């Protein structure tokens, strides 16, 4: 493994740059811009059991330092993703991918995860626990240690591939939730999902996004993501994939320094479709500049 290589639960990646779920479609859409095989991997768009249209429009708004989105887990359904989307991606991308699993009940999470577990092209499962539990009182699964542990534990009963829990920062104590996920058998964590925010039209005084409150992502959330990873890293023994506002190689080095093993590039893909490629090309130069021999050697160095 060369200086950019990283390993996630036994899966070797040529570099730590992963296109984040929801910002890269199913991957093949970006193949006309550059050879996407340069990426470490791709996290597929969040997938539910049945097809979903998502939220009504408008559901995206630009704002200072980032963007708001309330797509609402628009998905063709897991069977369509497996039979149609993954084969399209396979024609232009030769590496394994991450399947992002979403659900509105524990049973749905388990069913979707089990179906992806049987797909050869999928290396690991990323469980998005920012969905509301329709069987409870509508609170998102990721809001309590107990609910995160329940989802993780039930998925682990039926799958063989590594399970990474993608946690929401919109909680009182994310370290406690991360520890609960690890105790329930999680093989890794993805930190962080979007923050909650909103945008208002000054001419009307009305919220711009149809759901009023939406997920806030982009460069402005980077300091929060770094803080969360820094706090969680010494309290767990499983790898962390860092995400939140990454736009350049320096950002990647910061995330790895606070405890991430790999990173995901999200909203910046929508502003600059080639950002993943450019970061990968820039990383060796930055590593030489800072005297970094391997990325694995600096994981968590902020604590040393």
Protein backbone atom coordinates (compact mmCIF):
# COMPACT_ATOMS: atom_id res chain seq x y z
CA UNK A 1 0.00 0.00 0.00
CA UNK A 2 1.45 3.37 -0.99
CA UNK A 3 1.45 6.62 0.97
CA UNK A 4 -2.21 7.44 0.19
CA UNK A 5 -3.58 3.98 0.98
CA UNK A 6 -5.97 3.37 3.89
CA UNK A 7 -7.83 0.34 5.23
CA UNK A 8 -11.42 0.18 6.47
CA UNK A 9 -12.32 -3.06 8.25
CA UNK A 10 -10.02 -5.14 6.06
CA UNK A 11 -10.93 -3.31 2.84
CA UNK A 12 -7.91 -1.63 1.26
CA UNK A 13 -8.52 1.66 -0.56
CA UNK A 14 -5.96 3.27 -2.85
CA UNK A 15 -6.71 6.62 -1.21
CA UNK A 16 -9.08 7.93 1.48
CA UNK A 17 -11.35 9.97 -0.81
CA UNK A 18 -14.91 8.67 -0.99
CA UNK A 19 -17.74 10.46 -2.75
CA UNK A 20 -20.44 11.04 -0.13
CA UNK A 21 -23.93 9.60 -0.37
CA UNK A 22 -26.52 11.91 -1.85
CA UNK A 23 -23.98 14.15 -3.58
CA UNK A 24 -22.68 11.81 -6.27
CA UNK A 25 -25.82 10.09 -7.49
CA UNK A 26 -24.99 6.51 -8.41
CA UNK A 27 -21.54 7.51 -9.61
CA UNK A 28 -21.82 6.91 -13.33
CA UNK A 29 -23.31 10.40 -13.77
CA UNK A 30 -19.84 11.83 -13.04
CA UNK A 31 -17.93 9.53 -15.40
CA UNK A 32 -18.17 12.06 -18.25
CA UNK A 33 -16.20 14.58 -16.17
CA UNK A 34 -13.20 12.38 -15.33
CA UNK A 35 -12.14 8.78 -14.73
CA UNK A 36 -13.92 8.16 -11.44
CA UNK A 37 -11.73 5.10 -10.81
CA UNK A 38 -9.26 7.53 -9.27
CA UNK A 39 -11.57 7.76 -6.23
CA UNK A 40 -11.03 5.55 -3.20
CA UNK A 41 -14.70 4.60 -3.42
CA UNK A 42 -18.25 5.90 -3.79
CA UNK A 43 -21.08 5.88 -1.26
CA UNK A 44 -24.29 5.28 -3.18
CA UNK A 45 -27.36 7.46 -2.82
CA UNK A 46 -29.42 6.61 0.25
CA UNK A 47 -31.65 3.63 -0.47
CA UNK A 48 -34.99 2.63 1.01
CA UNK A 49 -36.92 -0.62 0.54
CA UNK A 50 -39.65 0.85 -1.68
CA UNK A 51 -39.45 3.63 -4.28
CA UNK A 52 -39.82 7.15 -2.85
CA UNK A 53 -40.41 10.45 -4.59
CA UNK A 54 -39.04 12.41 -1.65
CA UNK A 55 -40.17 15.80 -0.40
CA UNK A 56 -42.03 18.38 -2.54
CA UNK A 57 -40.03 21.15 -4.15
CA UNK A 58 -38.36 23.49 -3.46
CA UNK A 59 -36.04 21.25 -1.50
CA UNK A 60 -32.60 22.79 -2.06
CA UNK A 61 -31.39 26.28 -1.17
CA UNK A 62 -27.96 27.86 -1.30
CA UNK A 63 -26.85 29.79 1.74
CA UNK A 64 -23.73 31.38 3.15
CA UNK A 65 -21.06 28.75 3.68
CA UNK A 66 -22.97 25.86 2.22
CA UNK A 67 -26.39 24.59 1.19
CA UNK A 68 -29.66 23.32 2.60
CA UNK A 69 -31.31 20.18 1.33
CA UNK A 70 -34.51 18.35 2.14
CA UNK A 71 -34.54 15.80 -0.66
CA UNK A 72 -36.40 13.37 1.56
CA UNK A 73 -34.58 10.17 0.61
CA UNK A 74 -35.76 10.08 -2.98
CA UNK A 75 -35.01 6.53 -4.11
CA UNK A 76 -36.01 4.05 -6.81
CA UNK A 77 -36.05 1.34 -4.14
CA UNK A 78 -33.42 -1.22 -3.25
CA UNK A 79 -34.33 -3.78 -5.91
CA UNK A 80 -34.00 -1.18 -8.66
CA UNK A 81 -30.67 0.04 -7.29
CA UNK A 82 -29.30 -3.50 -7.29
CA UNK A 83 -30.67 -4.53 -10.69
CA UNK A 84 -30.23 -1.25 -12.61
CA UNK A 85 -28.07 1.38 -10.92
CA UNK A 86 -25.17 -0.77 -9.72
CA UNK A 87 -24.73 -2.47 -13.13
CA UNK A 88 -24.59 0.98 -14.77
CA UNK A 89 -21.93 2.05 -12.29
CA UNK A 90 -19.99 -1.19 -12.76
CA UNK A 91 -19.56 -0.36 -16.44
CA UNK A 92 -17.46 2.71 -15.56
CA UNK A 93 -16.19 2.01 -12.02
CA UNK A 94 -14.18 -1.11 -11.20
CA UNK A 95 -13.85 -0.76 -7.43
CA UNK A 96 -16.21 -1.81 -4.68
CA UNK A 97 -18.69 0.71 -3.29
CA UNK A 98 -20.47 1.61 -0.07
CA UNK A 99 -24.24 1.03 0.12
CA UNK A 100 -26.09 3.71 2.10
CA UNK A 101 -29.04 2.08 3.85
CA UNK A 102 -32.08 4.08 4.98
CA UNK A 103 -35.34 3.03 6.58
CA UNK A 104 -38.39 4.08 8.55
CA UNK A 105 -38.60 0.95 10.69
CA UNK A 106 -36.07 -1.51 12.07
CA UNK A 107 -37.44 -4.19 9.76
CA UNK A 108 -36.88 -1.97 6.71
CA UNK A 109 -33.27 -1.28 7.68
CA UNK A 110 -32.67 -5.00 8.11
CA UNK A 111 -34.27 -5.94 4.80
CA UNK A 112 -32.39 -3.35 2.76
CA UNK A 113 -29.08 -4.18 4.46
CA UNK A 114 -29.56 -7.91 3.84
CA UNK A 115 -30.21 -7.35 0.13
CA UNK A 116 -27.10 -5.18 -0.26
CA UNK A 117 -25.05 -7.67 1.75
CA UNK A 118 -25.49 -10.17 -1.10
CA UNK A 119 -24.22 -7.76 -3.77
CA UNK A 120 -20.64 -8.46 -4.85
CA UNK A 121 -19.88 -4.84 -5.69
CA UNK A 122 -20.73 -3.66 -2.16
CA UNK A 123 -17.79 -3.62 0.28
CA UNK A 124 -19.52 -2.22 3.35
CA UNK A 125 -22.87 -0.95 4.57
CA UNK A 126 -23.36 2.65 5.70
CA UNK A 127 -26.44 2.91 7.89
CA UNK A 128 -28.13 6.30 7.84
CA UNK A 129 -29.90 6.56 11.18
CA UNK A 130 -31.21 10.08 10.52
CA UNK A 131 -34.60 8.72 9.44
CA UNK A 132 -37.78 9.18 11.53
CA UNK A 133 -39.11 6.02 13.17
CA UNK A 134 -42.69 5.61 11.96
CA UNK A 135 -43.30 2.85 14.50
CA UNK A 136 -42.42 5.11 17.40
CA UNK A 137 -43.20 8.80 17.81
CA UNK A 138 -41.38 10.05 14.73
CA UNK A 139 -38.07 10.71 16.46
CA UNK A 140 -35.09 9.91 14.26
CA UNK A 141 -33.38 6.61 14.95
CA UNK A 142 -30.09 8.40 15.56
CA UNK A 143 -31.41 10.55 18.40
CA UNK A 144 -30.79 8.05 21.22
CA UNK A 145 -28.11 5.48 22.03
CA UNK A 146 -30.79 2.82 22.45
CA UNK A 147 -32.33 3.25 19.01
CA UNK A 148 -28.96 3.37 17.24
CA UNK A 149 -27.87 0.23 19.07
CA UNK A 150 -31.14 -1.53 18.19
CA UNK A 151 -30.80 -0.83 14.47
CA UNK A 152 -27.15 -1.84 14.45
CA UNK A 153 -27.70 -5.01 16.45
CA UNK A 154 -30.54 -6.23 14.25
CA UNK A 155 -28.62 -5.54 11.03
CA UNK A 156 -25.53 -7.33 12.33
CA UNK A 157 -27.65 -10.47 12.85
CA UNK A 158 -28.29 -10.83 9.10
CA UNK A 159 -25.20 -9.45 7.32
CA UNK A 160 -21.57 -10.47 6.94
CA UNK A 161 -20.16 -7.25 5.53
CA UNK A 162 -18.88 -4.43 7.77
CA UNK A 163 -21.55 -2.11 9.18
CA UNK A 164 -20.74 1.59 9.58
CA UNK A 165 -23.26 3.76 11.42
CA UNK A 166 -23.67 7.29 10.00
CA UNK A 167 -24.54 9.47 12.98
CA UNK A 168 -26.37 12.75 13.25
CA UNK A 169 -24.71 15.69 15.04
CA UNK A 170 -28.15 16.97 16.09
CA UNK A 171 -27.95 15.25 19.49
CA UNK A 172 -26.87 16.13 23.00
CA UNK A 173 -24.01 13.61 23.31
CA UNK A 174 -22.77 12.05 20.09
CA UNK A 175 -19.90 10.26 21.86
CA UNK A 176 -22.41 8.30 23.94
CA UNK A 177 -24.28 7.32 20.78
CA UNK A 178 -21.03 6.31 19.04
CA UNK A 179 -20.13 4.09 21.97
CA UNK A 180 -23.58 2.51 21.88
CA UNK A 181 -23.12 1.72 18.19
CA UNK A 182 -19.73 0.13 18.88
CA UNK A 183 -21.16 -1.93 21.74
CA UNK A 184 -23.93 -3.15 19.42
CA UNK A 185 -21.36 -4.47 16.95
CA UNK A 186 -20.73 -1.57 14.57
CA UNK A 187 -17.54 -2.03 12.58
CA UNK A 188 -17.10 1.70 12.03
CA UNK A 189 -18.66 5.15 12.16
CA UNK A 190 -19.39 7.90 9.63
CA UNK A 191 -19.21 11.37 11.22
CA UNK A 192 -21.09 13.61 10.63
CA UNK A 193 -24.43 13.83 8.89
CA UNK A 194 -25.99 17.24 8.16
CA UNK A 195 -26.86 19.84 10.77
CA UNK A 196 -30.35 21.31 10.97
CA UNK A 197 -30.85 24.73 9.40
CA UNK A 198 -33.22 26.90 7.42
CA UNK A 199 -33.33 29.75 4.92
CA UNK A 200 -35.93 32.53 4.67
CA UNK A 201 -36.96 34.66 1.70
CA UNK A 202 -36.48 38.27 2.90
CA UNK A 203 -39.14 39.51 0.47
CA UNK A 204 -41.90 37.30 1.86
CA UNK A 205 -40.60 36.19 5.23
CA UNK A 206 -41.42 32.60 4.29
CA UNK A 207 -39.06 29.60 4.57
CA UNK A 208 -37.52 28.82 1.18
CA UNK A 209 -37.40 25.04 1.50
CA UNK A 210 -40.76 23.25 1.49
CA UNK A 211 -40.01 21.39 4.72
CA UNK A 212 -39.00 24.67 6.39
CA UNK A 213 -36.14 22.99 8.28
CA UNK A 214 -33.53 21.16 6.19
CA UNK A 215 -30.09 19.57 6.34
CA UNK A 216 -27.23 22.09 6.31
CA UNK A 217 -23.95 21.01 4.72
CA UNK A 218 -20.87 22.59 3.16
CA UNK A 219 -17.67 24.31 4.31
CA UNK A 220 -19.36 26.06 7.25
CA UNK A 221 -19.92 22.77 9.09
CA UNK A 222 -16.29 21.63 8.87
CA UNK A 223 -15.26 22.97 12.32
CA UNK A 224 -18.18 21.09 13.89
CA UNK A 225 -17.32 17.86 12.09
CA UNK A 226 -13.69 18.14 13.20
CA UNK A 227 -14.77 18.73 16.79
CA UNK A 228 -17.10 15.73 16.78
CA UNK A 229 -14.46 13.36 15.38
CA UNK A 230 -11.87 14.71 17.81
CA UNK A 231 -14.22 13.99 20.73
CA UNK A 232 -15.35 10.56 19.55
CA UNK A 233 -12.01 9.13 18.37
CA UNK A 234 -10.39 8.45 21.79
CA UNK A 235 -13.60 6.89 23.09
CA UNK A 236 -14.04 4.15 20.46
CA UNK A 237 -11.79 1.54 18.88
CA UNK A 238 -13.47 1.32 15.48
CA UNK A 239 -12.52 3.35 12.39
CA UNK A 240 -14.17 6.64 11.52
CA UNK A 241 -15.00 8.00 8.08
CA UNK A 242 -15.03 11.79 8.37
CA UNK A 243 -17.39 13.99 6.39
CA UNK A 244 -18.46 17.60 6.58
CA UNK A 245 -17.30 20.56 4.51
CA UNK A 246 -14.25 19.01 2.85
CA UNK A 247 -13.10 20.95 -0.23
CA UNK A 248 -9.31 20.46 -0.49
CA UNK A 249 -6.33 18.30 0.50
CA UNK A 250 -5.62 20.36 3.61
CA UNK A 251 -9.13 19.57 4.85
CA UNK A 252 -8.49 15.85 4.38
CA UNK A 253 -5.28 16.04 6.41
CA UNK A 254 -7.11 17.88 9.19
CA UNK A 255 -9.83 15.23 9.35
CA UNK A 256 -7.32 12.39 9.48
CA UNK A 257 -5.33 14.23 12.14
CA UNK A 258 -8.31 14.36 14.49
CA UNK A 259 -9.12 10.67 14.05
CA UNK A 260 -10.66 9.83 10.66
CA UNK A 261 -9.21 6.93 8.68
CA UNK A 262 -10.93 7.97 5.44
CA UNK A 263 -13.14 10.89 4.39
CA UNK A 264 -16.17 11.60 2.26
CA UNK A 265 -16.49 14.63 0.01
CA UNK A 266 -20.09 15.82 -0.16
CA UNK A 267 -21.63 19.15 -1.11
CA UNK A 268 -18.53 20.31 -2.96
CA UNK A 269 -19.28 17.70 -5.66
CA UNK A 270 -22.31 19.80 -6.58
CA UNK A 271 -20.23 22.96 -6.96
CA UNK A 272 -17.20 21.33 -8.56
CA UNK A 273 -17.81 17.88 -10.11
CA UNK A 274 -14.04 17.26 -10.31
CA UNK A 275 -13.21 18.06 -6.68
CA UNK A 276 -12.54 14.44 -5.71
CA UNK A 277 -10.02 14.00 -8.50
CA UNK A 278 -8.34 17.31 -7.68
CA UNK A 279 -7.99 16.51 -3.97
CA UNK A 280 -6.39 13.14 -4.75
CA UNK A 281 -3.93 14.78 -7.11
CA UNK A 282 -3.10 17.46 -4.55
CA UNK A 283 -2.63 15.16 -1.54
CA UNK A 284 0.90 13.83 -2.27
CA UNK A 285 2.24 17.37 -2.70
CA UNK A 286 0.68 18.49 0.58
CA UNK A 287 1.99 15.41 2.38
CA UNK A 288 5.50 16.12 1.15
CA UNK A 289 5.14 19.75 2.21
CA UNK A 290 4.20 18.74 5.76
CA UNK A 291 6.63 15.82 6.02
CA UNK A 292 3.87 13.19 6.13
CA UNK A 293 5.06 9.77 4.98
CA UNK A 294 1.73 7.92 5.07
CA UNK A 295 -1.83 8.96 5.88
CA UNK A 296 -2.20 5.99 8.20
CA UNK A 297 0.66 7.35 10.28
CA UNK A 298 -1.18 10.56 11.17
CA UNK A 299 -4.58 9.15 12.16
CA UNK A 300 -5.49 10.79 15.46
CA UNK A 301 -2.18 12.67 15.78
CA UNK A 302 -4.03 15.67 17.23
CA UNK A 303 -4.30 13.59 20.43
CA UNK A 304 -0.59 12.80 20.61
